[in-house]
N, C-alpha and C. Protein backbone atom coordinates (compact mmCIF):
# COMPACT_ATOMS: atom_id res chain seq x y z
N MET A 1 133.70 -49.26 -180.03
CA MET A 1 133.10 -50.27 -180.60
C MET A 1 131.64 -49.54 -179.88
N ASN A 2 130.90 -49.09 -180.87
CA ASN A 2 129.16 -49.03 -180.75
C ASN A 2 128.66 -50.11 -180.39
N LEU A 3 127.21 -49.56 -180.05
CA LEU A 3 126.40 -50.38 -179.25
C LEU A 3 125.86 -51.95 -179.99
N SER A 4 125.56 -51.35 -181.51
CA SER A 4 125.51 -52.27 -182.54
C SER A 4 126.55 -53.38 -182.61
N GLU A 5 127.87 -52.98 -182.44
CA GLU A 5 128.48 -53.86 -182.70
C GLU A 5 129.14 -54.62 -181.82
N LYS A 6 128.92 -53.91 -179.99
CA LYS A 6 128.87 -54.68 -178.76
C LYS A 6 128.13 -55.79 -179.16
N ILE A 7 126.44 -55.80 -179.47
CA ILE A 7 125.69 -56.79 -179.69
C ILE A 7 125.77 -57.80 -180.64
N SER A 8 126.36 -57.45 -181.42
CA SER A 8 126.55 -58.27 -182.98
C SER A 8 127.90 -59.09 -182.24
N ALA A 9 129.10 -58.76 -181.77
CA ALA A 9 129.57 -59.56 -181.44
C ALA A 9 129.79 -60.38 -180.19
N THR A 10 129.07 -59.59 -179.43
CA THR A 10 128.33 -60.94 -177.98
C THR A 10 127.53 -62.04 -178.77
N ALA A 11 126.67 -61.70 -179.82
CA ALA A 11 125.98 -62.24 -180.23
C ALA A 11 126.76 -64.18 -180.94
N ALA A 12 127.41 -62.63 -181.76
CA ALA A 12 128.14 -64.06 -182.66
C ALA A 12 129.80 -65.35 -181.83
N SER A 13 129.62 -64.58 -180.47
CA SER A 13 129.86 -65.91 -179.91
C SER A 13 129.25 -66.52 -179.31
N LEU A 14 127.98 -66.26 -179.42
CA LEU A 14 127.35 -67.39 -178.95
C LEU A 14 126.86 -69.14 -179.71
N PRO A 15 126.54 -70.25 -179.24
CA PRO A 15 126.43 -71.32 -180.06
C PRO A 15 125.29 -70.72 -181.29
N GLU A 16 125.03 -71.15 -182.30
CA GLU A 16 123.95 -70.90 -183.60
C GLU A 16 122.68 -71.12 -182.64
N SER A 17 122.58 -71.93 -182.42
CA SER A 17 120.85 -72.13 -181.64
C SER A 17 120.40 -71.02 -181.00
N LYS A 18 121.78 -70.00 -179.98
CA LYS A 18 121.03 -69.24 -179.18
C LYS A 18 121.13 -68.07 -180.08
N GLN A 19 122.05 -68.00 -181.14
CA GLN A 19 122.12 -66.86 -181.88
C GLN A 19 120.87 -66.55 -182.69
N GLN A 20 120.27 -67.56 -182.92
CA GLN A 20 118.66 -67.79 -183.55
C GLN A 20 117.80 -67.17 -182.64
N GLU A 21 117.90 -67.40 -180.79
CA GLU A 21 116.85 -66.59 -180.17
C GLU A 21 117.29 -65.17 -180.23
N VAL A 22 118.36 -64.88 -180.30
CA VAL A 22 118.81 -63.54 -180.02
C VAL A 22 118.07 -63.31 -181.31
N LEU A 23 118.11 -63.86 -182.76
CA LEU A 23 117.25 -63.06 -183.84
C LEU A 23 116.04 -62.52 -183.60
N ASP A 24 115.35 -63.84 -183.13
CA ASP A 24 113.76 -63.56 -182.75
C ASP A 24 113.53 -62.82 -182.42
N PHE A 25 114.43 -63.00 -180.90
CA PHE A 25 113.94 -61.74 -179.89
C PHE A 25 114.34 -60.52 -180.44
N VAL A 26 115.22 -59.82 -181.23
CA VAL A 26 115.29 -58.92 -182.02
C VAL A 26 114.14 -58.57 -182.75
N GLU A 27 114.21 -59.48 -183.66
CA GLU A 27 112.65 -59.16 -184.78
C GLU A 27 111.62 -58.64 -183.71
N TYR A 28 111.22 -59.46 -182.45
CA TYR A 28 110.48 -59.43 -181.74
C TYR A 28 110.46 -57.93 -182.04
N LEU A 29 111.45 -57.43 -180.94
CA LEU A 29 111.04 -56.32 -180.58
C LEU A 29 111.27 -54.94 -181.38
N LYS A 30 111.77 -55.52 -182.93
CA LYS A 30 111.64 -54.50 -184.14
C LYS A 30 109.76 -54.69 -184.38
N LEU A 31 109.25 -55.12 -184.40
CA LEU A 31 107.10 -55.59 -184.41
C LEU A 31 107.26 -54.82 -183.57
N LYS A 32 107.39 -55.02 -182.23
CA LYS A 32 106.48 -54.43 -181.21
C LYS A 32 106.50 -52.75 -180.98
N THR A 33 107.91 -52.72 -182.07
CA THR A 33 108.23 -50.81 -181.62
C THR A 33 107.62 -50.25 -182.89
N GLU A 34 107.23 -50.69 -183.79
CA GLU A 34 106.59 -50.59 -185.14
C GLU A 34 105.36 -49.93 -184.67
N LYS A 35 104.40 -51.55 -184.28
CA LYS A 35 103.21 -51.65 -183.27
C LYS A 35 102.88 -50.46 -182.59
N GLU A 36 103.55 -50.07 -181.54
CA GLU A 36 103.32 -48.55 -180.50
C GLU A 36 103.59 -47.31 -181.44
N GLU A 37 104.62 -47.24 -182.54
CA GLU A 37 104.43 -46.06 -183.70
C GLU A 37 103.02 -46.11 -184.29
N SER A 38 102.99 -47.09 -184.71
CA SER A 38 101.52 -47.08 -185.57
C SER A 38 100.49 -46.78 -184.67
N SER A 39 100.26 -47.39 -183.60
CA SER A 39 99.07 -47.10 -182.23
C SER A 39 99.55 -45.42 -182.22
N ASN A 40 100.79 -45.17 -181.50
CA ASN A 40 100.34 -43.53 -181.13
C ASN A 40 100.19 -41.94 -182.49
N TRP A 41 100.36 -42.63 -183.81
CA TRP A 41 100.32 -42.24 -184.97
C TRP A 41 98.58 -41.90 -184.92
N ASN A 42 97.73 -43.11 -185.04
CA ASN A 42 96.81 -43.46 -185.27
C ASN A 42 95.75 -42.49 -183.64
N SER A 43 96.51 -42.49 -182.79
CA SER A 43 95.62 -41.85 -181.52
C SER A 43 95.68 -40.38 -182.04
N PHE A 44 97.13 -40.23 -182.30
CA PHE A 44 97.06 -38.70 -182.45
C PHE A 44 96.20 -38.33 -183.76
N SER A 45 96.41 -39.05 -185.00
CA SER A 45 95.67 -38.56 -186.09
C SER A 45 93.98 -38.53 -185.76
N ILE A 46 93.57 -39.07 -185.17
CA ILE A 46 92.12 -39.60 -184.85
C ILE A 46 92.00 -37.75 -183.53
N THR A 47 92.66 -37.60 -182.59
CA THR A 47 92.60 -36.62 -181.75
C THR A 47 92.76 -35.47 -182.96
N SER A 48 93.25 -35.38 -183.72
CA SER A 48 93.72 -33.94 -184.34
C SER A 48 92.51 -33.64 -185.35
N ALA A 49 92.11 -35.43 -186.11
CA ALA A 49 90.91 -34.86 -186.41
C ALA A 49 89.68 -34.05 -185.87
N MET A 50 89.31 -34.85 -184.59
CA MET A 50 88.15 -34.77 -183.86
C MET A 50 88.14 -33.28 -183.47
N ARG A 51 89.71 -32.57 -183.02
CA ARG A 51 90.19 -31.47 -182.33
C ARG A 51 88.69 -30.33 -182.70
N GLY A 52 88.51 -29.27 -181.58
CA GLY A 52 87.44 -28.54 -181.88
C GLY A 52 85.84 -29.39 -181.53
N MET A 53 85.68 -30.83 -181.52
CA MET A 53 84.08 -30.81 -181.76
C MET A 53 83.54 -31.15 -180.91
N GLU A 54 84.85 -31.49 -179.71
CA GLU A 54 83.60 -32.10 -178.39
C GLU A 54 82.90 -31.15 -177.88
N ASN A 55 83.16 -29.36 -177.84
CA ASN A 55 82.28 -28.80 -177.73
C ASN A 55 80.73 -28.63 -178.21
N GLU A 56 80.81 -28.96 -179.58
CA GLU A 56 79.73 -29.11 -180.85
C GLU A 56 78.45 -29.79 -180.22
N ASP A 57 77.22 -29.14 -180.38
CA ASP A 57 76.15 -29.56 -179.99
C ASP A 57 75.66 -30.61 -181.43
N SER A 58 75.20 -32.08 -180.97
CA SER A 58 75.15 -32.91 -181.27
C SER A 58 73.54 -32.41 -182.18
N THR A 59 73.45 -33.09 -183.63
CA THR A 59 72.58 -32.90 -184.89
C THR A 59 71.59 -34.24 -184.33
N TYR A 60 71.92 -35.00 -183.67
CA TYR A 60 70.98 -36.48 -183.12
C TYR A 60 70.79 -36.75 -181.89
N ALA A 61 69.13 -37.31 -182.10
CA ALA A 61 68.87 -37.70 -180.11
C ALA A 61 68.81 -39.30 -180.41
N VAL A 62 69.18 -39.57 -179.25
CA VAL A 62 68.52 -41.37 -178.90
C VAL A 62 67.59 -41.69 -179.99
N SER A 63 66.00 -40.68 -179.78
CA SER A 63 64.89 -40.97 -180.71
C SER A 63 65.06 -41.33 -182.49
N ASP A 64 66.23 -40.59 -182.57
CA ASP A 64 66.46 -40.81 -183.79
C ASP A 64 67.29 -42.26 -184.73
N LEU A 65 67.45 -43.29 -183.58
CA LEU A 65 67.89 -44.14 -183.52
C LEU A 65 66.61 -45.42 -184.06
N LYS A 66 67.13 -46.07 -185.05
CA LYS A 66 66.23 -46.89 -185.73
C LYS A 66 66.37 -48.34 -185.15
N GLU A 67 67.29 -48.87 -184.63
CA GLU A 67 67.43 -49.80 -184.22
C GLU A 67 68.53 -49.88 -183.07
N THR A 68 68.50 -50.78 -181.97
CA THR A 68 68.90 -50.42 -180.65
C THR A 68 69.52 -52.44 -180.24
N TYR A 69 70.44 -52.05 -180.12
CA TYR A 69 70.75 -53.37 -179.24
C TYR A 69 71.15 -53.40 -177.75
């Protein structure tokens, strides 16, 4: 019996209200995992896009700002 089957069998032995809690938790974990993966990808994308720019001279100075907050 693989892990998915064990989870399913164990959840099936619970009362229906507890099965709903298990489902809610699994959906939460899925959403959390997707969010983490998206965050990791976004960080990687920005890092890749900016690679090599850290040593470039800035073409703008503070005096070029028209508005400050």
